Amino acid sequence: VFPLNAAALLETHPDLVPVLSGVVQESVVFAGAASSTWDDPANADEP
């Protein structure tokens, strides 16, 4: 079980940590636009 973008929730609910295998976190350094295409320049590199 890997929840996505759950780090803030786990900070306030640490009892959930032993239930998990790990976490997935997106956009730690760079983000991109929603509902974009692969060649859309807006789909990445937003600090």
All heavy atoms as atom14 arrays in JSON, in Angstrom:
{
  "sequence": "VFPLNAAALLETHPDLVPVLSGVVQESVVFAGAASSTWDDPANADEP",
  "atom14_mask": [
    [1, 1, 1, 1, 1, 1, 1, 0, 0, 0, 0, 0, 0, 0],
    [1, 1, 1, 1, 1, 1, 1, 1, 1, 1, 1, 0, 0, 0],
    [1, 1, 1, 1, 1, 1, 1, 0, 0, 0, 0, 0, 0, 0],
    [1, 1, 1, 1, 1, 1, 1, 1, 0, 0, 0, 0, 0, 0],
    [1, 1, 1, 1, 1, 1, 1, 1, 0, 0, 0, 0, 0, 0],
    [1, 1, 1, 1, 1, 0, 0, 0, 0, 0, 0, 0, 0, 0],
    [1, 1, 1, 1, 1, 0, 0, 0, 0, 0, 0, 0, 0, 0],
    [1, 1, 1, 1, 1, 0, 0, 0, 0, 0, 0, 0, 0, 0],
    [1, 1, 1, 1, 1, 1, 1, 1, 0, 0, 0, 0, 0, 0],
    [1, 1, 1, 1, 1, 1, 1, 1, 0, 0, 0, 0, 0, 0],
    [1, 1, 1, 1, 1, 1, 1, 1, 1, 0, 0, 0, 0, 0],
    [1, 1, 1, 1, 1, 1, 1, 0, 0, 0, 0, 0, 0, 0],
    [1, 1, 1, 1, 1, 1, 1, 1, 1, 1, 0, 0, 0, 0],
    [1, 1, 1, 1, 1, 1, 1, 0, 0, 0, 0, 0, 0, 0],
    [1, 1, 1, 1, 1, 1, 1, 1, 0, 0, 0, 0, 0, 0],
    [1, 1, 1, 1, 1, 1, 1, 1, 0, 0, 0, 0, 0, 0],
    [1, 1, 1, 1, 1, 1, 1, 0, 0, 0, 0, 0, 0, 0],
    [1, 1, 1, 1, 1, 1, 1, 0, 0, 0, 0, 0, 0, 0],
    [1, 1, 1, 1, 1, 1, 1, 0, 0, 0, 0, 0, 0, 0],
    [1, 1, 1, 1, 1, 1, 1, 1, 0, 0, 0, 0, 0, 0],
    [1, 1, 1, 1, 1, 1, 0, 0, 0, 0, 0, 0, 0, 0],
    [1, 1, 1, 1, 0, 0, 0, 0, 0, 0, 0, 0, 0, 0],
    [1, 1, 1, 1, 1, 1, 1, 0, 0, 0, 0, 0, 0, 0],
    [1, 1, 1, 1, 1, 1, 1, 0, 0, 0, 0, 0, 0, 0],
    [1, 1, 1, 1, 1, 1, 1, 1, 1, 0, 0, 0, 0, 0],
    [1, 1, 1, 1, 1, 1, 1, 1, 1, 0, 0, 0, 0, 0],
    [1, 1, 1, 1, 1, 1, 0, 0, 0, 0, 0, 0, 0, 0],
    [1, 1, 1, 1, 1, 1, 1, 0, 0, 0, 0, 0, 0, 0],
    [1, 1, 1, 1, 1, 1, 1, 0, 0, 0, 0, 0, 0, 0],
    [1, 1, 1, 1, 1, 1, 1, 1, 1, 1, 1, 0, 0, 0],
    [1, 1, 1, 1, 1, 0, 0, 0, 0, 0, 0, 0, 0, 0],
    [1, 1, 1, 1, 0, 0, 0, 0, 0, 0, 0, 0, 0, 0],
    [1, 1, 1, 1, 1, 0, 0, 0, 0, 0, 0, 0, 0, 0],
    [1, 1, 1, 1, 1, 0, 0, 0, 0, 0, 0, 0, 0, 0],
    [1, 1, 1, 1, 1, 1, 0, 0, 0, 0, 0, 0, 0, 0],
    [1, 1, 1, 1, 1, 1, 0, 0, 0, 0, 0, 0, 0, 0],
    [1, 1, 1, 1, 1, 1, 1, 0, 0, 0, 0, 0, 0, 0],
    [1, 1, 1, 1, 1, 1, 1, 1, 1, 1, 1, 1, 1, 1],
    [1, 1, 1, 1, 1, 1, 1, 1, 0, 0, 0, 0, 0, 0],
    [1, 1, 1, 1, 1, 1, 1, 1, 0, 0, 0, 0, 0, 0],
    [1, 1, 1, 1, 1, 1, 1, 0, 0, 0, 0, 0, 0, 0],
    [1, 1, 1, 1, 1, 0, 0, 0, 0, 0, 0, 0, 0, 0],
    [1, 1, 1, 1, 1, 1, 1, 1, 0, 0, 0, 0, 0, 0],
    [1, 1, 1, 1, 1, 0, 0, 0, 0, 0, 0, 0, 0, 0],
    [1, 1, 1, 1, 1, 1, 1, 1, 0, 0, 0, 0, 0, 0],
    [1, 1, 1, 1, 1, 1, 1, 1, 1, 0, 0, 0, 0, 0],
    [1, 1, 1, 1, 1, 1, 1, 0, 0, 0, 0, 0, 0, 0]
  ],
  "atom14_positions": [
    [[0.85, -1.2, 0.0], [0.0, 0.0, 0.0], [0.88, 1.24, 0.0], [1.68, 1.44, 0.92], [-0.95, 0.01, 1.21], [-1.72, 1.33, 1.28], [-1.92, -1.17, 1.13], [0.0, 0.0, 0.0], [0.0, 0.0, 0.0], [0.0, 0.0, 0.0], [0.0, 0.0, 0.0], [0.0, 0.0, 0.0], [0.0, 0.0, 0.0], [0.0, 0.0, 0.0]],
    [[0.72, 2.06, -1.03], [1.46, 3.31, -1.2], [0.47, 4.46, -1.4], [-0.04, 4.63, -2.51], [2.38, 3.26, -2.42], [3.59, 2.39, -2.28], [3.5, 1.02, -2.5], [4.82, 2.93, -1.96], [4.62, 0.21, -2.39], [5.94, 2.12, -1.84], [5.84, 0.76, -2.05], [0.0, 0.0, 0.0], [0.0, 0.0, 0.0], [0.0, 0.0, 0.0]],
    [[0.16, 5.25, -0.38], [-0.67, 6.43, -0.61], [0.13, 7.53, -1.31], [1.34, 7.67, -1.08], [-1.1, 6.85, 0.79], [-0.02, 6.34, 1.68], [0.49, 5.07, 1.03], [0.0, 0.0, 0.0], [0.0, 0.0, 0.0], [0.0, 0.0, 0.0], [0.0, 0.0, 0.0], [0.0, 0.0, 0.0], [0.0, 0.0, 0.0], [0.0, 0.0, 0.0]],
    [[-0.55, 8.28, -2.15], [0.1, 9.38, -2.89], [-0.12, 10.69, -2.16], [-1.24, 11.02, -1.76], [-0.5, 9.46, -4.3], [-0.03, 10.6, -5.2], [1.45, 10.43, -5.56], [-0.88, 10.67, -6.47], [0.0, 0.0, 0.0], [0.0, 0.0, 0.0], [0.0, 0.0, 0.0], [0.0, 0.0, 0.0], [0.0, 0.0, 0.0], [0.0, 0.0, 0.0]],
    [[0.97, 11.43, -1.99], [0.91, 12.77, -1.37], [0.29, 12.72, 0.03], [-0.53, 13.57, 0.4], [0.12, 13.74, -2.26], [0.76, 13.93, -3.62], [1.97, 13.77, -3.77], [-0.05, 14.26, -4.62], [0.0, 0.0, 0.0], [0.0, 0.0, 0.0], [0.0, 0.0, 0.0], [0.0, 0.0, 0.0], [0.0, 0.0, 0.0], [0.0, 0.0, 0.0]],
    [[0.7, 11.74, 0.8], [0.11, 11.52, 2.13], [0.99, 11.99, 3.27], [0.64, 11.79, 4.44], [-0.2, 10.04, 2.32], [0.0, 0.0, 0.0], [0.0, 0.0, 0.0], [0.0, 0.0, 0.0], [0.0, 0.0, 0.0], [0.0, 0.0, 0.0], [0.0, 0.0, 0.0], [0.0, 0.0, 0.0], [0.0, 0.0, 0.0], [0.0, 0.0, 0.0]],
    [[2.13, 12.62, 2.98], [3.09, 12.94, 4.05], [2.5, 13.86, 5.11], [2.74, 13.7, 6.31], [4.35, 13.56, 3.46], [0.0, 0.0, 0.0], [0.0, 0.0, 0.0], [0.0, 0.0, 0.0], [0.0, 0.0, 0.0], [0.0, 0.0, 0.0], [0.0, 0.0, 0.0], [0.0, 0.0, 0.0], [0.0, 0.0, 0.0], [0.0, 0.0, 0.0]],
    [[1.7, 14.85, 4.68], [1.1, 15.77, 5.65], [0.09, 15.04, 6.53], [0.01, 15.28, 7.75], [0.43, 16.93, 4.93], [0.0, 0.0, 0.0], [0.0, 0.0, 0.0], [0.0, 0.0, 0.0], [0.0, 0.0, 0.0], [0.0, 0.0, 0.0], [0.0, 0.0, 0.0], [0.0, 0.0, 0.0], [0.0, 0.0, 0.0], [0.0, 0.0, 0.0]],
    [[-0.69, 14.14, 5.95], [-1.66, 13.37, 6.73], [-0.94, 12.48, 7.74], [-1.37, 12.38, 8.9], [-2.5, 12.51, 5.79], [-3.52, 11.58, 6.46], [-4.65, 12.39, 7.1], [-4.11, 10.59, 5.44], [0.0, 0.0, 0.0], [0.0, 0.0, 0.0], [0.0, 0.0, 0.0], [0.0, 0.0, 0.0], [0.0, 0.0, 0.0], [0.0, 0.0, 0.0]],
    [[0.16, 11.87, 7.33], [0.89, 10.98, 8.23], [1.58, 11.74, 9.36], [1.85, 11.16, 10.42], [1.91, 10.18, 7.44], [1.3, 9.21, 6.41], [2.4, 8.59, 5.55], [0.48, 8.13, 7.1], [0.0, 0.0, 0.0], [0.0, 0.0, 0.0], [0.0, 0.0, 0.0], [0.0, 0.0, 0.0], [0.0, 0.0, 0.0], [0.0, 0.0, 0.0]],
    [[1.84, 13.01, 9.14], [2.44, 13.83, 10.19], [1.48, 13.98, 11.36], [1.89, 14.02, 12.52], [2.81, 15.2, 9.62], [3.74, 16.01, 10.5], [4.24, 17.25, 9.77], [3.47, 17.88, 9.03], [5.43, 17.58, 9.94], [0.0, 0.0, 0.0], [0.0, 0.0, 0.0], [0.0, 0.0, 0.0], [0.0, 0.0, 0.0], [0.0, 0.0, 0.0]],
    [[0.18, 14.05, 11.08], [-0.83, 14.2, 12.13], [-1.48, 12.87, 12.51], [-2.19, 12.79, 13.52], [-1.92, 15.18, 11.68], [-2.49, 14.75, 10.44], [-1.34, 16.58, 11.51], [0.0, 0.0, 0.0], [0.0, 0.0, 0.0], [0.0, 0.0, 0.0], [0.0, 0.0, 0.0], [0.0, 0.0, 0.0], [0.0, 0.0, 0.0], [0.0, 0.0, 0.0]],
    [[-1.24, 11.82, 11.71], [-1.8, 10.49, 12.01], [-0.68, 9.45, 11.91], [-0.71, 8.56, 11.05], [-2.94, 10.16, 11.04], [-4.15, 11.01, 11.24], [-4.24, 12.3, 10.77], [-5.32, 10.77, 11.9], [-5.41, 12.82, 11.11], [-6.07, 11.91, 11.79], [0.0, 0.0, 0.0], [0.0, 0.0, 0.0], [0.0, 0.0, 0.0], [0.0, 0.0, 0.0]],
    [[0.32, 9.55, 12.78], [1.48, 8.64, 12.7], [1.12, 7.19, 12.95], [1.89, 6.3, 12.57], [2.42, 9.19, 13.78], [1.53, 9.91, 14.74], [0.44, 10.51, 13.9], [0.0, 0.0, 0.0], [0.0, 0.0, 0.0], [0.0, 0.0, 0.0], [0.0, 0.0, 0.0], [0.0, 0.0, 0.0], [0.0, 0.0, 0.0], [0.0, 0.0, 0.0]],
    [[-0.03, 6.93, 13.56], [-0.44, 5.54, 13.81], [-0.72, 4.8, 12.5], [-0.78, 3.56, 12.49], [-1.69, 5.53, 14.69], [-2.84, 6.31, 14.09], [-2.63, 7.49, 13.72], [-3.97, 5.77, 14.0], [0.0, 0.0, 0.0], [0.0, 0.0, 0.0], [0.0, 0.0, 0.0], [0.0, 0.0, 0.0], [0.0, 0.0, 0.0], [0.0, 0.0, 0.0]],
    [[-0.87, 5.54, 11.38], [-1.11, 4.91, 10.09], [0.18, 4.38, 9.46], [0.13, 3.51, 8.59], [-1.79, 5.92, 9.16], [-2.27, 5.44, 7.79], [-3.25, 4.29, 7.92], [-2.89, 6.6, 7.01], [0.0, 0.0, 0.0], [0.0, 0.0, 0.0], [0.0, 0.0, 0.0], [0.0, 0.0, 0.0], [0.0, 0.0, 0.0], [0.0, 0.0, 0.0]],
    [[1.32, 4.91, 9.88], [2.6, 4.56, 9.25], [2.85, 3.05, 9.22], [3.25, 2.51, 8.17], [3.76, 5.31, 9.95], [5.11, 4.79, 9.46], [3.65, 6.81, 9.71], [0.0, 0.0, 0.0], [0.0, 0.0, 0.0], [0.0, 0.0, 0.0], [0.0, 0.0, 0.0], [0.0, 0.0, 0.0], [0.0, 0.0, 0.0], [0.0, 0.0, 0.0]],
    [[2.65, 2.3, 10.31], [2.95, 0.87, 10.26], [2.09, 0.09, 9.27], [2.45, -1.04, 8.9], [2.67, 0.41, 11.7], [2.78, 1.64, 12.53], [2.27, 2.74, 11.67], [0.0, 0.0, 0.0], [0.0, 0.0, 0.0], [0.0, 0.0, 0.0], [0.0, 0.0, 0.0], [0.0, 0.0, 0.0], [0.0, 0.0, 0.0], [0.0, 0.0, 0.0]],
    [[0.99, 0.67, 8.84], [0.1, 0.0, 7.89], [0.66, 0.04, 6.47], [0.33, -0.78, 5.63], [-1.3, 0.67, 7.92], [-2.24, 0.08, 6.89], [-1.9, 0.57, 9.32], [0.0, 0.0, 0.0], [0.0, 0.0, 0.0], [0.0, 0.0, 0.0], [0.0, 0.0, 0.0], [0.0, 0.0, 0.0], [0.0, 0.0, 0.0], [0.0, 0.0, 0.0]],
    [[1.55, 1.0, 6.2], [1.98, 1.3, 4.84], [3.27, 0.61, 4.46], [4.12, 0.3, 5.3], [2.16, 2.81, 4.7], [0.96, 3.67, 5.1], [1.29, 5.14, 4.96], [-0.27, 3.3, 4.29], [0.0, 0.0, 0.0], [0.0, 0.0, 0.0], [0.0, 0.0, 0.0], [0.0, 0.0, 0.0], [0.0, 0.0, 0.0], [0.0, 0.0, 0.0]],
    [[3.43, 0.41, 3.15], [4.68, -0.11, 2.59], [5.62, 1.03, 2.25], [6.84, 0.87, 2.26], [4.38, -0.92, 1.32], [3.34, -1.83, 1.55], [0.0, 0.0, 0.0], [0.0, 0.0, 0.0], [0.0, 0.0, 0.0], [0.0, 0.0, 0.0], [0.0, 0.0, 0.0], [0.0, 0.0, 0.0], [0.0, 0.0, 0.0], [0.0, 0.0, 0.0]],
    [[5.06, 2.17, 1.91], [5.82, 3.35, 1.56], [4.86, 4.45, 1.17], [3.64, 4.31, 1.33], [0.0, 0.0, 0.0], [0.0, 0.0, 0.0], [0.0, 0.0, 0.0], [0.0, 0.0, 0.0], [0.0, 0.0, 0.0], [0.0, 0.0, 0.0], [0.0, 0.0, 0.0], [0.0, 0.0, 0.0], [0.0, 0.0, 0.0], [0.0, 0.0, 0.0]],
    [[5.4, 5.55, 0.67], [4.57, 6.64, 0.18], [5.13, 7.11, -1.16], [6.32, 6.97, -1.44], [4.5, 7.84, 1.16], [3.85, 7.44, 2.46], [5.87, 8.42, 1.4], [0.0, 0.0, 0.0], [0.0, 0.0, 0.0], [0.0, 0.0, 0.0], [0.0, 0.0, 0.0], [0.0, 0.0, 0.0], [0.0, 0.0, 0.0], [0.0, 0.0, 0.0]],
    [[4.24, 7.66, -1.97], [4.63, 8.31, -3.22], [4.36, 9.79, -3.06], [3.27, 10.19, -2.63], [3.84, 7.76, -4.42], [4.28, 8.45, -5.71], [4.01, 6.24, -4.54], [0.0, 0.0, 0.0], [0.0, 0.0, 0.0], [0.0, 0.0, 0.0], [0.0, 0.0, 0.0], [0.0, 0.0, 0.0], [0.0, 0.0, 0.0], [0.0, 0.0, 0.0]],
    [[5.35, 10.61, -3.39], [5.18, 12.06, -3.31], [5.51, 12.67, -4.66], [6.6, 12.46, -5.19], [6.09, 12.66, -2.24], [5.99, 14.17, -2.12], [4.62, 14.63, -1.65], [4.11, 14.14, -0.63], [4.01, 15.55, -2.39], [0.0, 0.0, 0.0], [0.0, 0.0, 0.0], [0.0, 0.0, 0.0], [0.0, 0.0, 0.0], [0.0, 0.0, 0.0]],
    [[4.56, 13.41, -5.22], [4.83, 14.08, -6.48], [5.18, 15.54, -6.25], [4.85, 16.12, -5.22], [3.64, 13.96, -7.43], [2.38, 14.64, -6.97], [1.24, 14.52, -7.97], [1.51, 14.21, -9.15], [0.09, 14.74, -7.56], [0.0, 0.0, 0.0], [0.0, 0.0, 0.0], [0.0, 0.0, 0.0], [0.0, 0.0, 0.0], [0.0, 0.0, 0.0]],
    [[5.88, 16.09, -7.24], [6.21, 17.52, -7.27], [6.96, 17.97, -6.03], [6.57, 18.94, -5.36], [4.93, 18.35, -7.46], [4.25, 17.97, -8.64], [0.0, 0.0, 0.0], [0.0, 0.0, 0.0], [0.0, 0.0, 0.0], [0.0, 0.0, 0.0], [0.0, 0.0, 0.0], [0.0, 0.0, 0.0], [0.0, 0.0, 0.0], [0.0, 0.0, 0.0]],
    [[8.02, 17.29, -5.7], [8.88, 17.73, -4.6], [9.66, 18.97, -5.01], [9.83, 19.9, -4.22], [9.85, 16.6, -4.19], [10.8, 17.08, -3.1], [9.07, 15.38, -3.71], [0.0, 0.0, 0.0], [0.0, 0.0, 0.0], [0.0, 0.0, 0.0], [0.0, 0.0, 0.0], [0.0, 0.0, 0.0], [0.0, 0.0, 0.0], [0.0, 0.0, 0.0]],
    [[10.11, 19.0, -6.26], [10.91, 20.11, -6.76], [10.24, 20.81, -7.95], [10.26, 22.03, -8.06], [12.32, 19.64, -7.16], [13.21, 20.84, -7.52], [12.97, 18.83, -6.05], [0.0, 0.0, 0.0], [0.0, 0.0, 0.0], [0.0, 0.0, 0.0], [0.0, 0.0, 0.0], [0.0, 0.0, 0.0], [0.0, 0.0, 0.0], [0.0, 0.0, 0.0]],
    [[9.6, 19.99, -8.84], [8.99, 20.56, -10.04], [7.6, 19.96, -10.27], [7.39, 18.76, -10.07], [9.86, 20.32, -11.27], [11.19, 21.01, -11.21], [12.34, 20.3, -10.88], [11.3, 22.36, -11.48], [13.57, 20.92, -10.82], [12.53, 23.0, -11.42], [13.66, 22.29, -11.08], [0.0, 0.0, 0.0], [0.0, 0.0, 0.0], [0.0, 0.0, 0.0]],
    [[6.68, 20.8, -10.73], [5.3, 20.4, -11.01], [5.0, 20.62, -12.48], [5.81, 21.17, -13.25], [4.33, 21.19, -10.14], [0.0, 0.0, 0.0], [0.0, 0.0, 0.0], [0.0, 0.0, 0.0], [0.0, 0.0, 0.0], [0.0, 0.0, 0.0], [0.0, 0.0, 0.0], [0.0, 0.0, 0.0], [0.0, 0.0, 0.0], [0.0, 0.0, 0.0]],
    [[3.79, 20.2, -12.89], [3.32, 20.42, -14.26], [1.82, 20.61, -14.27], [1.14, 20.33, -13.28], [0.0, 0.0, 0.0], [0.0, 0.0, 0.0], [0.0, 0.0, 0.0], [0.0, 0.0, 0.0], [0.0, 0.0, 0.0], [0.0, 0.0, 0.0], [0.0, 0.0, 0.0], [0.0, 0.0, 0.0], [0.0, 0.0, 0.0], [0.0, 0.0, 0.0]],
    [[1.27, 21.06, -15.37], [-0.15, 21.36, -15.49], [-0.99, 20.1, -15.58], [-0.54, 19.06, -16.08], [-0.4, 22.24, -16.7], [0.0, 0.0, 0.0], [0.0, 0.0, 0.0], [0.0, 0.0, 0.0], [0.0, 0.0, 0.0], [0.0, 0.0, 0.0], [0.0, 0.0, 0.0], [0.0, 0.0, 0.0], [0.0, 0.0, 0.0], [0.0, 0.0, 0.0]],
    [[-2.23, 20.19, -15.1], [-3.18, 19.08, -15.19], [-3.71, 18.94, -16.61], [-3.71, 19.88, -17.4], [-4.34, 19.32, -14.22], [0.0, 0.0, 0.0], [0.0, 0.0, 0.0], [0.0, 0.0, 0.0], [0.0, 0.0, 0.0], [0.0, 0.0, 0.0], [0.0, 0.0, 0.0], [0.0, 0.0, 0.0], [0.0, 0.0, 0.0], [0.0, 0.0, 0.0]],
    [[-4.19, 17.72, -16.94], [-4.85, 17.44, -18.22], [-4.07, 17.99, -19.41], [-4.64, 18.6, -20.33], [-6.29, 17.99, -18.21], [-7.07, 17.3, -17.26], [0.0, 0.0, 0.0], [0.0, 0.0, 0.0], [0.0, 0.0, 0.0], [0.0, 0.0, 0.0], [0.0, 0.0, 0.0], [0.0, 0.0, 0.0], [0.0, 0.0, 0.0], [0.0, 0.0, 0.0]],
    [[-2.78, 17.78, -19.42], [-1.94, 18.24, -20.52], [-1.57, 17.06, -21.42], [-1.86, 15.91, -21.11], [-0.67, 18.91, -19.98], [0.08, 18.0, -19.21], [0.0, 0.0, 0.0], [0.0, 0.0, 0.0], [0.0, 0.0, 0.0], [0.0, 0.0, 0.0], [0.0, 0.0, 0.0], [0.0, 0.0, 0.0], [0.0, 0.0, 0.0], [0.0, 0.0, 0.0]],
    [[-0.91, 17.35, -22.52], [-0.41, 16.31, -23.41], [1.1, 16.18, -23.24], [1.75, 17.04, -22.64], [-0.72, 16.65, -24.88], [-0.05, 17.87, -25.23], [-2.22, 16.82, -25.08], [0.0, 0.0, 0.0], [0.0, 0.0, 0.0], [0.0, 0.0, 0.0], [0.0, 0.0, 0.0], [0.0, 0.0, 0.0], [0.0, 0.0, 0.0], [0.0, 0.0, 0.0]],
    [[1.67, 15.1, -23.81], [3.09, 14.84, -23.62], [3.96, 15.96, -24.18], [5.02, 16.27, -23.62], [3.46, 13.5, -24.27], [4.85, 13.06, -23.95], [5.96, 13.21, -24.73], [5.29, 12.41, -22.75], [7.07, 12.67, -24.09], [6.69, 12.18, -22.87], [4.64, 12.0, -21.59], [7.43, 11.55, -21.88], [5.38, 11.37, -20.59], [6.77, 11.16, -20.74]],
    [[3.53, 16.57, -25.25], [4.33, 17.62, -25.9], [3.97, 19.03, -25.44], [4.53, 20.01, -25.95], [4.17, 17.53, -27.42], [4.72, 16.22, -27.97], [5.77, 15.78, -27.48], [4.08, 15.64, -28.87], [0.0, 0.0, 0.0], [0.0, 0.0, 0.0], [0.0, 0.0, 0.0], [0.0, 0.0, 0.0], [0.0, 0.0, 0.0], [0.0, 0.0, 0.0]],
    [[3.08, 19.16, -24.49], [2.69, 20.46, -23.97], [3.8, 20.99, -23.05], [4.16, 20.35, -22.07], [1.38, 20.33, -23.18], [0.84, 21.64, -22.66], [1.55, 22.66, -22.72], [-0.32, 21.64, -22.19], [0.0, 0.0, 0.0], [0.0, 0.0, 0.0], [0.0, 0.0, 0.0], [0.0, 0.0, 0.0], [0.0, 0.0, 0.0], [0.0, 0.0, 0.0]],
    [[4.36, 22.16, -23.35], [5.45, 22.68, -22.5], [5.03, 22.99, -21.07], [5.89, 23.17, -20.2], [5.9, 23.94, -23.24], [4.75, 24.32, -24.11], [4.09, 23.04, -24.49], [0.0, 0.0, 0.0], [0.0, 0.0, 0.0], [0.0, 0.0, 0.0], [0.0, 0.0, 0.0], [0.0, 0.0, 0.0], [0.0, 0.0, 0.0], [0.0, 0.0, 0.0]],
    [[3.7, 23.03, -20.83], [3.22, 23.31, -19.47], [3.21, 22.08, -18.58], [2.87, 22.17, -17.4], [1.82, 23.92, -19.52], [0.0, 0.0, 0.0], [0.0, 0.0, 0.0], [0.0, 0.0, 0.0], [0.0, 0.0, 0.0], [0.0, 0.0, 0.0], [0.0, 0.0, 0.0], [0.0, 0.0, 0.0], [0.0, 0.0, 0.0], [0.0, 0.0, 0.0]],
    [[3.59, 20.91, -19.13], [3.43, 19.68, -18.36], [4.6, 19.38, -17.41], [4.63, 18.31, -16.79], [3.21, 18.49, -19.3], [4.41, 18.18, -20.19], [5.53, 18.57, -19.89], [4.16, 17.49, -21.3], [0.0, 0.0, 0.0], [0.0, 0.0, 0.0], [0.0, 0.0, 0.0], [0.0, 0.0, 0.0], [0.0, 0.0, 0.0], [0.0, 0.0, 0.0]],
    [[5.52, 20.32, -17.26], [6.68, 20.09, -16.39], [7.43, 21.39, -16.14], [7.09, 22.43, -16.69], [7.62, 19.07, -17.05], [0.0, 0.0, 0.0], [0.0, 0.0, 0.0], [0.0, 0.0, 0.0], [0.0, 0.0, 0.0], [0.0, 0.0, 0.0], [0.0, 0.0, 0.0], [0.0, 0.0, 0.0], [0.0, 0.0, 0.0], [0.0, 0.0, 0.0]],
    [[8.46, 21.29, -15.27], [9.44, 22.36, -15.04], [8.89, 23.59, -14.31], [9.51, 24.65, -14.35], [10.09, 22.79, -16.36], [10.8, 21.63, -17.05], [11.57, 20.92, -16.36], [10.59, 21.42, -18.26], [0.0, 0.0, 0.0], [0.0, 0.0, 0.0], [0.0, 0.0, 0.0], [0.0, 0.0, 0.0], [0.0, 0.0, 0.0], [0.0, 0.0, 0.0]],
    [[7.76, 23.45, -13.63], [7.25, 24.55, -12.81], [7.84, 24.41, -11.41], [7.53, 23.46, -10.69], [5.72, 24.53, -12.74], [5.14, 25.6, -11.87], [3.64, 25.48, -11.72], [2.99, 24.82, -12.55], [3.1, 26.04, -10.73], [0.0, 0.0, 0.0], [0.0, 0.0, 0.0], [0.0, 0.0, 0.0], [0.0, 0.0, 0.0], [0.0, 0.0, 0.0]],
    [[8.69, 25.33, -10.97], [9.37, 25.18, -9.68], [8.38, 25.21, -8.51], [7.44, 26.01, -8.48], [10.31, 26.38, -9.62], [10.46, 26.84, -11.03], [9.15, 26.54, -11.7], [0.0, 0.0, 0.0], [0.0, 0.0, 0.0], [0.0, 0.0, 0.0], [0.0, 0.0, 0.0], [0.0, 0.0, 0.0], [0.0, 0.0, 0.0], [0.0, 0.0, 0.0]]
  ]
}
